[in-house]
Amino acid sequence: MHTSKPHPPASPEVCTMAQLQDESTRTDLLNRLKRAEGQLRGIQRMIESGEACLDIASQMAAVRKALDSAYVRMTVCFMQQELRQKLGVSEEQVPDLAHMLDDVQTLLGKVR
């Protein structure tokens, strides 16, 4: 019977996540989050005023979908930015990259 030695723990690596560079993407994400924030305030008012649970649940589902959508958008934009940087190319040099990531965003949107 062969017993293997446990592997030593991996050395901790510093994970530095880049910021989104595109100003229009950041603005879009902030607007999406502000809308979700407004929806959440509306839900709070619904609960305070004694609205029906089914109506409240419907609004909660809408907020979740809005947040999921913002998350997917941010993730795809981050992937696009990082791939361009790692490949050292611009969008004009690899136009298929933008189309491919748009498709990824569409596919991820179907998961929600």
PDB file of N, CA and C in Angstrom:
ATOM      1  N   MET A   1       0.849  -1.165   0.000  1.00  0.00           N
ATOM      2  CA  MET A   1       0.000   0.000   0.000  1.00  0.00           C
ATOM      3  C   MET A   1       0.894   1.227   0.000  1.00  0.00           C
ATOM      4  N   HIS A   2       0.643   2.114  -0.906  1.00  0.00           N
ATOM      5  CA  HIS A   2       1.458   3.321  -1.057  1.00  0.00           C
ATOM      6  C   HIS A   2       0.757   4.488  -0.374  1.00  0.00           C
ATOM      7  N   THR A   3       1.463   5.114   0.523  1.00  0.00           N
ATOM      8  CA  THR A   3       0.902   6.309   1.165  1.00  0.00           C
ATOM      9  C   THR A   3       1.673   7.513   0.666  1.00  0.00           C
ATOM     10  N   SER A   4       0.961   8.493   0.277  1.00  0.00           N
ATOM     11  CA  SER A   4       1.623   9.696  -0.220  1.00  0.00           C
ATOM     12  C   SER A   4       1.668  10.745   0.870  1.00  0.00           C
ATOM     13  N   LYS A   5       2.705  11.515   0.803  1.00  0.00           N
ATOM     14  CA  LYS A   5       2.850  12.604   1.760  1.00  0.00           C
ATOM     15  C   LYS A   5       1.899  13.718   1.372  1.00  0.00           C
ATOM     16  N   PRO A   6       1.349  14.397   2.354  1.00  0.00           N
ATOM     17  CA  PRO A   6       0.483  15.539   2.008  1.00  0.00           C
ATOM     18  C   PRO A   6       1.308  16.630   1.345  1.00  0.00           C
ATOM     19  N   HIS A   7       0.690  17.297   0.402  1.00  0.00           N
ATOM     20  CA  HIS A   7       1.360  18.393  -0.282  1.00  0.00           C
ATOM     21  C   HIS A   7       1.471  19.590   0.645  1.00  0.00           C
ATOM     22  N   PRO A   8       2.589  20.284   0.597  1.00  0.00           N
ATOM     23  CA  PRO A   8       2.699  21.483   1.439  1.00  0.00           C
ATOM     24  C   PRO A   8       1.690  22.527   0.964  1.00  0.00           C
ATOM     25  N   PRO A   9       1.229  23.341   1.870  1.00  0.00           N
ATOM     26  CA  PRO A   9       0.253  24.360   1.475  1.00  0.00           C
ATOM     27  C   PRO A   9       0.854  25.299   0.431  1.00  0.00           C
ATOM     28  N   ALA A  10       0.022  25.678  -0.498  1.00  0.00           N
ATOM     29  CA  ALA A  10       0.469  26.609  -1.544  1.00  0.00           C
ATOM     30  C   ALA A  10       0.801  27.947  -0.911  1.00  0.00           C
ATOM     31  N   SER A  11       1.812  28.576  -1.462  1.00  0.00           N
ATOM     32  CA  SER A  11       2.173  29.881  -0.917  1.00  0.00           C
ATOM     33  C   SER A  11       1.075  30.877  -1.256  1.00  0.00           C
ATOM     34  N   PRO A  12       0.716  31.690  -0.295  1.00  0.00           N
ATOM     35  CA  PRO A  12      -0.350  32.656  -0.558  1.00  0.00           C
ATOM     36  C   PRO A  12       0.101  33.671  -1.600  1.00  0.00           C
ATOM     37  N   GLU A  13      -0.740  33.874  -2.588  1.00  0.00           N
ATOM     38  CA  GLU A  13      -0.438  34.856  -3.623  1.00  0.00           C
ATOM     39  C   GLU A  13      -1.347  36.057  -3.434  1.00  0.00           C
ATOM     40  N   VAL A  14      -0.814  37.176  -3.745  1.00  0.00           N
ATOM     41  CA  VAL A  14      -1.602  38.390  -3.656  1.00  0.00           C
ATOM     42  C   VAL A  14      -2.471  38.477  -4.901  1.00  0.00           C
ATOM     43  N   CYS A  15      -3.739  38.598  -4.702  1.00  0.00           N
ATOM     44  CA  CYS A  15      -4.670  38.695  -5.825  1.00  0.00           C
ATOM     45  C   CYS A  15      -5.127  40.147  -5.933  1.00  0.00           C
ATOM     46  N   THR A  16      -4.631  40.809  -6.929  1.00  0.00           N
ATOM     47  CA  THR A  16      -5.044  42.190  -7.122  1.00  0.00           C
ATOM     48  C   THR A  16      -5.938  42.249  -8.351  1.00  0.00           C
ATOM     49  N   MET A  17      -7.173  42.577  -8.138  1.00  0.00           N
ATOM     50  CA  MET A  17      -8.149  42.660  -9.201  1.00  0.00           C
ATOM     51  C   MET A  17      -8.102  44.070  -9.779  1.00  0.00           C
ATOM     52  N   ALA A  18      -8.066  44.119 -11.077  1.00  0.00           N
ATOM     53  CA  ALA A  18      -8.021  45.418 -11.748  1.00  0.00           C
ATOM     54  C   ALA A  18      -9.357  46.133 -11.624  1.00  0.00           C
ATOM     55  N   GLN A  19      -9.308  47.421 -11.759  1.00  0.00           N
ATOM     56  CA  GLN A  19     -10.536  48.216 -11.797  1.00  0.00           C
ATOM     57  C   GLN A  19     -11.012  48.298 -13.230  1.00  0.00           C
ATOM     58  N   LEU A  20     -12.310  48.524 -13.389  1.00  0.00           N
ATOM     59  CA  LEU A  20     -12.831  48.736 -14.731  1.00  0.00           C
ATOM     60  C   LEU A  20     -12.315  50.067 -15.247  1.00  0.00           C
ATOM     61  N   GLN A  21     -11.686  50.040 -16.403  1.00  0.00           N
ATOM     62  CA  GLN A  21     -11.073  51.232 -16.975  1.00  0.00           C
ATOM     63  C   GLN A  21     -12.061  52.085 -17.759  1.00  0.00           C
ATOM     64  N   ASP A  22     -13.065  51.441 -18.337  1.00  0.00           N
ATOM     65  CA  ASP A  22     -13.991  52.131 -19.224  1.00  0.00           C
ATOM     66  C   ASP A  22     -15.000  52.959 -18.424  1.00  0.00           C
ATOM     67  N   GLU A  23     -14.939  54.267 -18.617  1.00  0.00           N
ATOM     68  CA  GLU A  23     -15.807  55.176 -17.862  1.00  0.00           C
ATOM     69  C   GLU A  23     -17.286  54.923 -18.157  1.00  0.00           C
ATOM     70  N   SER A  24     -17.619  54.634 -19.401  1.00  0.00           N
ATOM     71  CA  SER A  24     -19.029  54.408 -19.741  1.00  0.00           C
ATOM     72  C   SER A  24     -19.551  53.134 -19.075  1.00  0.00           C
ATOM     73  N   THR A  25     -18.699  52.132 -18.938  1.00  0.00           N
ATOM     74  CA  THR A  25     -19.111  50.901 -18.247  1.00  0.00           C
ATOM     75  C   THR A  25     -19.340  51.177 -16.773  1.00  0.00           C
ATOM     76  N   ARG A  26     -18.439  51.930 -16.165  1.00  0.00           N
ATOM     77  CA  ARG A  26     -18.627  52.264 -14.749  1.00  0.00           C
ATOM     78  C   ARG A  26     -19.916  53.064 -14.550  1.00  0.00           C
ATOM     79  N   THR A  27     -20.177  54.006 -15.444  1.00  0.00           N
ATOM     80  CA  THR A  27     -21.404  54.800 -15.349  1.00  0.00           C
ATOM     81  C   THR A  27     -22.633  53.907 -15.501  1.00  0.00           C
ATOM     82  N   ASP A  28     -22.575  52.993 -16.473  1.00  0.00           N
ATOM     83  CA  ASP A  28     -23.681  52.063 -16.691  1.00  0.00           C
ATOM     84  C   ASP A  28     -23.929  51.217 -15.445  1.00  0.00           C
ATOM     85  N   LEU A  29     -22.865  50.686 -14.849  1.00  0.00           N
ATOM     86  CA  LEU A  29     -23.021  49.861 -13.651  1.00  0.00           C
ATOM     87  C   LEU A  29     -23.581  50.668 -12.483  1.00  0.00           C
ATOM     88  N   LEU A  30     -23.080  51.886 -12.313  1.00  0.00           N
ATOM     89  CA  LEU A  30     -23.605  52.727 -11.227  1.00  0.00           C
ATOM     90  C   LEU A  30     -25.084  53.032 -11.429  1.00  0.00           C
ATOM     91  N   ASN A  31     -25.482  53.303 -12.665  1.00  0.00           N
ATOM     92  CA  ASN A  31     -26.901  53.555 -12.942  1.00  0.00           C
ATOM     93  C   ASN A  31     -27.759  52.332 -12.653  1.00  0.00           C
ATOM     94  N   ARG A  32     -27.274  51.156 -13.029  1.00  0.00           N
ATOM     95  CA  ARG A  32     -27.999  49.919 -12.749  1.00  0.00           C
ATOM     96  C   ARG A  32     -28.158  49.728 -11.236  1.00  0.00           C
ATOM     97  N   LEU A  33     -27.093  49.990 -10.486  1.00  0.00           N
ATOM     98  CA  LEU A  33     -27.157  49.825  -9.033  1.00  0.00           C
ATOM     99  C   LEU A  33     -28.071  50.858  -8.378  1.00  0.00           C
ATOM    100  N   LYS A  34     -28.083  52.062  -8.898  1.00  0.00           N
ATOM    101  CA  LYS A  34     -28.982  53.090  -8.359  1.00  0.00           C
ATOM    102  C   LYS A  34     -30.440  52.718  -8.590  1.00  0.00           C
ATOM    103  N   ARG A  35     -30.725  52.135  -9.775  1.00  0.00           N
ATOM    104  CA  ARG A  35     -32.099  51.678 -10.032  1.00  0.00           C
ATOM    105  C   ARG A  35     -32.481  50.569  -9.055  1.00  0.00           C
ATOM    106  N   ALA A  36     -31.562  49.623  -8.828  1.00  0.00           N
ATOM    107  CA  ALA A  36     -31.828  48.539  -7.885  1.00  0.00           C
ATOM    108  C   ALA A  36     -32.033  49.097  -6.473  1.00  0.00           C
ATOM    109  N   GLU A  37     -31.246  50.102  -6.126  1.00  0.00           N
ATOM    110  CA  GLU A  37     -31.398  50.736  -4.816  1.00  0.00           C
ATOM    111  C   GLU A  37     -32.795  51.347  -4.682  1.00  0.00           C
ATOM    112  N   GLY A  38     -33.256  51.997  -5.734  1.00  0.00           N
ATOM    113  CA  GLY A  38     -34.610  52.566  -5.723  1.00  0.00           C
ATOM    114  C   GLY A  38     -35.667  51.483  -5.592  1.00  0.00           C
ATOM    115  N   GLN A  39     -35.443  50.366  -6.277  1.00  0.00           N
ATOM    116  CA  GLN A  39     -36.386  49.249  -6.159  1.00  0.00           C
ATOM    117  C   GLN A  39     -36.410  48.706  -4.733  1.00  0.00           C
ATOM    118  N   LEU A  40     -35.247  48.623  -4.107  1.00  0.00           N
ATOM    119  CA  LEU A  40     -35.190  48.147  -2.721  1.00  0.00           C
ATOM    120  C   LEU A  40     -35.934  49.080  -1.767  1.00  0.00           C
ATOM    121  N   ARG A  41     -35.784  50.370  -1.986  1.00  0.00           N
ATOM    122  CA  ARG A  41     -36.534  51.324  -1.149  1.00  0.00           C
ATOM    123  C   ARG A  41     -38.033  51.138  -1.339  1.00  0.00           C
ATOM    124  N   GLY A  42     -38.428  50.887  -2.593  1.00  0.00           N
ATOM    125  CA  GLY A  42     -39.841  50.638  -2.870  1.00  0.00           C
ATOM    126  C   GLY A  42     -40.343  49.394  -2.145  1.00  0.00           C
ATOM    127  N   ILE A  43     -39.528  48.358  -2.100  1.00  0.00           N
ATOM    128  CA  ILE A  43     -39.901  47.137  -1.387  1.00  0.00           C
ATOM    129  C   ILE A  43     -40.053  47.418   0.096  1.00  0.00           C
ATOM    130  N   GLN A  44     -39.145  48.218   0.647  1.00  0.00           N
ATOM    131  CA  GLN A  44     -39.253  48.568   2.065  1.00  0.00           C
ATOM    132  C   GLN A  44     -40.575  49.290   2.337  1.00  0.00           C
ATOM    133  N   ARG A  45     -40.940  50.206   1.448  1.00  0.00           N
ATOM    134  CA  ARG A  45     -42.217  50.921   1.616  1.00  0.00           C
ATOM    135  C   ARG A  45     -43.398  49.958   1.506  1.00  0.00           C
ATOM    136  N   MET A  46     -43.297  49.002   0.589  1.00  0.00           N
ATOM    137  CA  MET A  46     -44.366  48.007   0.434  1.00  0.00           C
ATOM    138  C   MET A  46     -44.549  47.213   1.719  1.00  0.00           C
ATOM    139  N   ILE A  47     -43.438  46.812   2.332  1.00  0.00           N
ATOM    140  CA  ILE A  47     -43.517  46.042   3.579  1.00  0.00           C
ATOM    141  C   ILE A  47     -44.097  46.906   4.686  1.00  0.00           C
ATOM    142  N   GLU A  48     -43.632  48.153   4.783  1.00  0.00           N
ATOM    143  CA  GLU A  48     -44.137  49.064   5.819  1.00  0.00           C
ATOM    144  C   GLU A  48     -45.632  49.319   5.680  1.00  0.00           C
ATOM    145  N   SER A  49     -46.113  49.377   4.443  1.00  0.00           N
ATOM    146  CA  SER A  49     -47.533  49.678   4.238  1.00  0.00           C
ATOM    147  C   SER A  49     -48.407  48.417   4.202  1.00  0.00           C
ATOM    148  N   GLY A  50     -47.797  47.248   4.383  1.00  0.00           N
ATOM    149  CA  GLY A  50     -48.577  46.021   4.495  1.00  0.00           C
ATOM    150  C   GLY A  50     -49.038  45.439   3.171  1.00  0.00           C
ATOM    151  N   GLU A  51     -48.279  45.632   2.119  1.00  0.00           N
ATOM    152  CA  GLU A  51     -48.634  45.065   0.806  1.00  0.00           C
ATOM    153  C   GLU A  51     -48.617  43.542   0.862  1.00  0.00           C
ATOM    154  N   ALA A  52     -49.243  42.939  -0.110  1.00  0.00           N
ATOM    155  CA  ALA A  52     -49.325  41.477  -0.189  1.00  0.00           C
ATOM    156  C   ALA A  52     -47.937  40.870  -0.421  1.00  0.00           C
ATOM    157  N   CYS A  53     -47.694  39.732   0.210  1.00  0.00           N
ATOM    158  CA  CYS A  53     -46.394  39.061   0.097  1.00  0.00           C
ATOM    159  C   CYS A  53     -46.070  38.699  -1.344  1.00  0.00           C
ATOM    160  N   LEU A  54     -47.056  38.307  -2.116  1.00  0.00           N
ATOM    161  CA  LEU A  54     -46.810  37.940  -3.512  1.00  0.00           C
ATOM    162  C   LEU A  54     -46.303  39.143  -4.306  1.00  0.00           C
ATOM    163  N   ASP A  55     -46.866  40.314  -4.054  1.00  0.00           N
ATOM    164  CA  ASP A  55     -46.411  41.530  -4.731  1.00  0.00           C
ATOM    165  C   ASP A  55     -44.981  41.893  -4.298  1.00  0.00           C
ATOM    166  N   ILE A  56     -44.707  41.741  -3.018  1.00  0.00           N
ATOM    167  CA  ILE A  56     -43.368  42.030  -2.506  1.00  0.00           C
ATOM    168  C   ILE A  56     -42.363  41.050  -3.106  1.00  0.00           C
ATOM    169  N   ALA A  57     -42.721  39.785  -3.140  1.00  0.00           N
ATOM    170  CA  ALA A  57     -41.829  38.765  -3.702  1.00  0.00           C
ATOM    171  C   ALA A  57     -41.532  39.054  -5.167  1.00  0.00           C
ATOM    172  N   SER A  58     -42.526  39.507  -5.884  1.00  0.00           N
ATOM    173  CA  SER A  58     -42.337  39.842  -7.299  1.00  0.00           C
ATOM    174  C   SER A  58     -41.326  40.965  -7.465  1.00  0.00           C
ATOM    175  N   GLN A  59     -41.421  41.969  -6.615  1.00  0.00           N
ATOM    176  CA  GLN A  59     -40.475  43.078  -6.670  1.00  0.00           C
ATOM    177  C   GLN A  59     -39.073  42.641  -6.227  1.00  0.00           C
ATOM    178  N   MET A  60     -39.005  41.743  -5.257  1.00  0.00           N
ATOM    179  CA  MET A  60     -37.698  41.221  -4.827  1.00  0.00           C
ATOM    180  C   MET A  60     -37.033  40.452  -5.973  1.00  0.00           C
ATOM    181  N   ALA A  61     -37.827  39.683  -6.698  1.00  0.00           N
ATOM    182  CA  ALA A  61     -37.284  38.941  -7.837  1.00  0.00           C
ATOM    183  C   ALA A  61     -36.748  39.909  -8.896  1.00  0.00           C
ATOM    184  N   ALA A  62     -37.434  41.016  -9.095  1.00  0.00           N
ATOM    185  CA  ALA A  62     -36.982  42.013 -10.070  1.00  0.00           C
ATOM    186  C   ALA A  62     -35.651  42.629  -9.642  1.00  0.00           C
ATOM    187  N   VAL A  63     -35.498  42.893  -8.353  1.00  0.00           N
ATOM    188  CA  VAL A  63     -34.236  43.452  -7.847  1.00  0.00           C
ATOM    189  C   VAL A  63     -33.111  42.433  -8.008  1.00  0.00           C
ATOM    190  N   ARG A  64     -33.389  41.197  -7.691  1.00  0.00           N
ATOM    191  CA  ARG A  64     -32.364  40.152  -7.857  1.00  0.00           C
ATOM    192  C   ARG A  64     -31.934  40.057  -9.311  1.00  0.00           C
ATOM    193  N   LYS A  65     -32.886  40.112 -10.208  1.00  0.00           N
ATOM    194  CA  LYS A  65     -32.548  40.031 -11.629  1.00  0.00           C
ATOM    195  C   LYS A  65     -31.711  41.242 -12.047  1.00  0.00           C
ATOM    196  N   ALA A  66     -32.050  42.417 -11.551  1.00  0.00           N
ATOM    197  CA  ALA A  66     -31.286  43.628 -11.874  1.00  0.00           C
ATOM    198  C   ALA A  66     -29.850  43.522 -11.356  1.00  0.00           C
ATOM    199  N   LEU A  67     -29.679  43.011 -10.149  1.00  0.00           N
ATOM    200  CA  LEU A  67     -28.338  42.848  -9.591  1.00  0.00           C
ATOM    201  C   LEU A  67     -27.547  41.775 -10.347  1.00  0.00           C
ATOM    202  N   ASP A  68     -28.219  40.680 -10.685  1.00  0.00           N
ATOM    203  CA  ASP A  68     -27.560  39.639 -11.478  1.00  0.00           C
ATOM    204  C   ASP A  68     -27.098  40.194 -12.816  1.00  0.00           C
ATOM    205  N   SER A  69     -27.941  40.986 -13.438  1.00  0.00           N
ATOM    206  CA  SER A  69     -27.612  41.579 -14.733  1.00  0.00           C
ATOM    207  C   SER A  69     -26.413  42.514 -14.617  1.00  0.00           C
ATOM    208  N   ALA A  70     -26.380  43.313 -13.570  1.00  0.00           N
ATOM    209  CA  ALA A  70     -25.251  44.218 -13.350  1.00  0.00           C
ATOM    210  C   ALA A  70     -23.974  43.412 -13.104  1.00  0.00           C
ATOM    211  N   TYR A  71     -24.076  42.315 -12.366  1.00  0.00           N
ATOM    212  CA  TYR A  71     -22.917  41.482 -12.091  1.00  0.00           C
ATOM    213  C   TYR A  71     -22.365  40.873 -13.379  1.00  0.00           C
ATOM    214  N   VAL A  72     -23.250  40.348 -14.219  1.00  0.00           N
ATOM    215  CA  VAL A  72     -22.815  39.755 -15.488  1.00  0.00           C
ATOM    216  C   VAL A  72     -22.161  40.810 -16.361  1.00  0.00           C
ATOM    217  N   ARG A  73     -22.764  41.989 -16.424  1.00  0.00           N
ATOM    218  CA  ARG A  73     -22.206  43.075 -17.233  1.00  0.00           C
ATOM    219  C   ARG A  73     -20.802  43.441 -16.751  1.00  0.00           C
ATOM    220  N   MET A  74     -20.636  43.571 -15.439  1.00  0.00           N
ATOM    221  CA  MET A  74     -19.335  43.917 -14.886  1.00  0.00           C
ATOM    222  C   MET A  74     -18.313  42.827 -15.189  1.00  0.00           C
ATOM    223  N   THR A  75     -18.706  41.581 -15.021  1.00  0.00           N
ATOM    224  CA  THR A  75     -17.799  40.461 -15.248  1.00  0.00           C
ATOM    225  C   THR A  75     -17.336  40.397 -16.694  1.00  0.00           C
ATOM    226  N   VAL A  76     -18.266  40.556 -17.633  1.00  0.00           N
ATOM    227  CA  VAL A  76     -17.909  40.499 -19.049  1.00  0.00           C
ATOM    228  C   VAL A  76     -17.011  41.679 -19.428  1.00  0.00           C
ATOM    229  N   CYS A  77     -17.307  42.845 -18.925  1.00  0.00           N
ATOM    230  CA  CYS A  77     -16.455  44.008 -19.218  1.00  0.00           C
ATOM    231  C   CYS A  77     -15.060  43.812 -18.642  1.00  0.00           C
ATOM    232  N   PHE A  78     -14.990  43.239 -17.448  1.00  0.00           N
ATOM    233  CA  PHE A  78     -13.693  42.955 -16.848  1.00  0.00           C
ATOM    234  C   PHE A  78     -12.919  41.949 -17.700  1.00  0.00           C
ATOM    235  N   MET A  79     -13.599  40.888 -18.144  1.00  0.00           N
ATOM    236  CA  MET A  79     -12.937  39.883 -18.979  1.00  0.00           C
ATOM    237  C   MET A  79     -12.411  40.513 -20.265  1.00  0.00           C
ATOM    238  N   GLN A  80     -13.215  41.341 -20.872  1.00  0.00           N
ATOM    239  CA  GLN A  80     -12.821  42.002 -22.118  1.00  0.00           C
ATOM    240  C   GLN A  80     -11.589  42.878 -21.888  1.00  0.00           C
ATOM    241  N   GLN A  81     -11.624  43.650 -20.844  1.00  0.00           N
ATOM    242  CA  GLN A  81     -10.512  44.540 -20.512  1.00  0.00           C
ATOM    243  C   GLN A  81      -9.240  43.746 -20.244  1.00  0.00           C
ATOM    244  N   GLU A  82      -9.338  42.700 -19.446  1.00  0.00           N
ATOM    245  CA  GLU A  82      -8.161  41.913 -19.084  1.00  0.00           C
ATOM    246  C   GLU A  82      -7.604  41.149 -20.277  1.00  0.00           C
ATOM    247  N   LEU A  83      -8.478  40.593 -21.110  1.00  0.00           N
ATOM    248  CA  LEU A  83      -8.001  39.880 -22.293  1.00  0.00           C
ATOM    249  C   LEU A  83      -7.261  40.822 -23.237  1.00  0.00           C
ATOM    250  N   ARG A  84      -7.810  41.995 -23.443  1.00  0.00           N
ATOM    251  CA  ARG A  84      -7.130  42.962 -24.313  1.00  0.00           C
ATOM    252  C   ARG A  84      -5.757  43.324 -23.755  1.00  0.00           C
ATOM    253  N   GLN A  85      -5.721  43.554 -22.451  1.00  0.00           N
ATOM    254  CA  GLN A  85      -4.446  43.926 -21.827  1.00  0.00           C
ATOM    255  C   GLN A  85      -3.441  42.783 -21.930  1.00  0.00           C
ATOM    256  N   LYS A  86      -3.867  41.574 -21.618  1.00  0.00           N
ATOM    257  CA  LYS A  86      -2.948  40.432 -21.657  1.00  0.00           C
ATOM    258  C   LYS A  86      -2.487  40.136 -23.079  1.00  0.00           C
ATOM    259  N   LEU A  87      -3.366  40.317 -24.053  1.00  0.00           N
ATOM    260  CA  LEU A  87      -3.009  40.073 -25.451  1.00  0.00           C
ATOM    261  C   LEU A  87      -2.287  41.265 -26.067  1.00  0.00           C
ATOM    262  N   GLY A  88      -2.396  42.419 -25.416  1.00  0.00           N
ATOM    263  CA  GLY A  88      -1.760  43.623 -25.926  1.00  0.00           C
ATOM    264  C   GLY A  88      -2.395  44.128 -27.209  1.00  0.00           C
ATOM    265  N   VAL A  89      -3.726  44.047 -27.278  1.00  0.00           N
ATOM    266  CA  VAL A  89      -4.435  44.461 -28.484  1.00  0.00           C
ATOM    267  C   VAL A  89      -5.553  45.426 -28.131  1.00  0.00           C
ATOM    268  N   SER A  90      -6.006  46.156 -29.142  1.00  0.00           N
ATOM    269  CA  SER A  90      -7.147  47.049 -28.970  1.00  0.00           C
ATOM    270  C   SER A  90      -8.388  46.373 -29.536  1.00  0.00           C
ATOM    271  N   GLU A  91      -9.536  46.959 -29.263  1.00  0.00           N
ATOM    272  CA  GLU A  91     -10.788  46.402 -29.775  1.00  0.00           C
ATOM    273  C   GLU A  91     -10.798  46.378 -31.306  1.00  0.00           C
ATOM    274  N   GLU A  92     -10.188  47.386 -31.898  1.00  0.00           N
ATOM    275  CA  GLU A  92     -10.146  47.463 -33.355  1.00  0.00           C
ATOM    276  C   GLU A  92      -9.313  46.325 -33.953  1.00  0.00           C
ATOM    277  N   GLN A  93      -8.298  45.879 -33.211  1.00  0.00           N
ATOM    278  CA  GLN A  93      -7.428  44.816 -33.706  1.00  0.00           C
ATOM    279  C   GLN A  93      -8.090  43.440 -33.631  1.00  0.00           C
ATOM    280  N   VAL A  94      -8.955  43.254 -32.669  1.00  0.00           N
ATOM    281  CA  VAL A  94      -9.632  41.964 -32.504  1.00  0.00           C
ATOM    282  C   VAL A  94     -11.129  42.218 -32.287  1.00  0.00           C
ATOM    283  N   PRO A  95     -11.833  42.608 -33.347  1.00  0.00           N
ATOM    284  CA  PRO A  95     -13.260  42.910 -33.181  1.00  0.00           C
ATOM    285  C   PRO A  95     -14.076  41.682 -32.769  1.00  0.00           C
ATOM    286  N   ASP A  96     -13.611  40.487 -33.120  1.00  0.00           N
ATOM    287  CA  ASP A  96     -14.349  39.280 -32.755  1.00  0.00           C
ATOM    288  C   ASP A  96     -14.377  39.071 -31.241  1.00  0.00           C
ATOM    289  N   LEU A  97     -13.393  39.606 -30.532  1.00  0.00           N
ATOM    290  CA  LEU A  97     -13.362  39.471 -29.087  1.00  0.00           C
ATOM    291  C   LEU A  97     -14.593  40.121 -28.462  1.00  0.00           C
ATOM    292  N   ALA A  98     -14.926  41.313 -28.906  1.00  0.00           N
ATOM    293  CA  ALA A  98     -16.103  42.003 -28.377  1.00  0.00           C
ATOM    294  C   ALA A  98     -17.370  41.214 -28.678  1.00  0.00           C
ATOM    295  N   HIS A  99     -17.479  40.679 -29.885  1.00  0.00           N
ATOM    296  CA  HIS A  99     -18.667  39.898 -30.252  1.00  0.00           C
ATOM    297  C   HIS A  99     -18.744  38.611 -29.434  1.00  0.00           C
ATOM    298  N   MET A 100     -17.589  37.964 -29.246  1.00  0.00           N
ATOM    299  CA  MET A 100     -17.567  36.735 -28.470  1.00  0.00           C
ATOM    300  C   MET A 100     -18.012  37.000 -27.034  1.00  0.00           C
ATOM    301  N   LEU A 101     -17.522  38.068 -26.443  1.00  0.00           N
ATOM    302  CA  LEU A 101     -17.881  38.370 -25.059  1.00  0.00           C
ATOM    303  C   LEU A 101     -19.323  38.857 -24.950  1.00  0.00           C
ATOM    304  N   ASP A 102     -19.838  39.490 -25.992  1.00  0.00           N
ATOM    305  CA  ASP A 102     -21.267  39.821 -26.007  1.00  0.00           C
ATOM    306  C   ASP A 102     -22.092  38.540 -25.979  1.00  0.00           C
ATOM    307  N   ASP A 103     -21.631  37.534 -26.718  1.00  0.00           N
ATOM    308  CA  ASP A 103     -22.318  36.239 -26.716  1.00  0.00           C
ATOM    309  C   ASP A 103     -22.237  35.581 -25.341  1.00  0.00           C
ATOM    310  N   VAL A 104     -21.069  35.688 -24.700  1.00  0.00           N
ATOM    311  CA  VAL A 104     -20.915  35.156 -23.349  1.00  0.00           C
ATOM    312  C   VAL A 104     -21.894  35.846 -22.406  1.00  0.00           C
ATOM    313  N   GLN A 105     -22.012  37.150 -22.525  1.00  0.00           N
ATOM    314  CA  GLN A 105     -22.931  37.898 -21.677  1.00  0.00           C
ATOM    315  C   GLN A 105     -24.372  37.440 -21.907  1.00  0.00           C
ATOM    316  N   THR A 106     -24.737  37.228 -23.156  1.00  0.00           N
ATOM    317  CA  THR A 106     -26.072  36.750 -23.474  1.00  0.00           C
ATOM    318  C   THR A 106     -26.312  35.362 -22.871  1.00  0.00           C
ATOM    319  N   LEU A 107     -25.319  34.476 -23.023  1.00  0.00           N
ATOM    320  CA  LEU A 107     -25.467  33.136 -22.454  1.00  0.00           C
ATOM    321  C   LEU A 107     -25.569  33.162 -20.936  1.00  0.00           C
ATOM    322  N   LEU A 108     -24.754  33.971 -20.292  1.00  0.00           N
ATOM    323  CA  LEU A 108     -24.832  34.073 -18.833  1.00  0.00           C
ATOM    324  C   LEU A 108     -26.165  34.666 -18.402  1.00  0.00           C
ATOM    325  N   GLY A 109     -26.691  35.567 -19.200  1.00  0.00           N
ATOM    326  CA  GLY A 109     -27.987  36.149 -18.884  1.00  0.00           C
ATOM    327  C   GLY A 109     -29.110  35.125 -18.897  1.00  0.00           C
ATOM    328  N   LYS A 110     -28.956  34.070 -19.687  1.00  0.00           N
ATOM    329  CA  LYS A 110     -29.970  33.023 -19.775  1.00  0.00           C
ATOM    330  C   LYS A 110     -29.975  32.146 -18.524  1.00  0.00           C
ATOM    331  N   VAL A 111     -28.872  32.134 -17.788  1.00  0.00           N
ATOM    332  CA  VAL A 111     -28.768  31.297 -16.594  1.00  0.00           C
ATOM    333  C   VAL A 111     -29.653  31.826 -15.479  1.00  0.00           C
ATOM    334  N   ARG A 112     -29.819  33.116 -15.440  1.00  0.00           N
ATOM    335  CA  ARG A 112     -30.576  33.725 -14.341  1.00  0.00           C
ATOM    336  C   ARG A 112     -32.020  33.331 -14.379  1.00  0.00           C
TER     337      ARG A 112
END
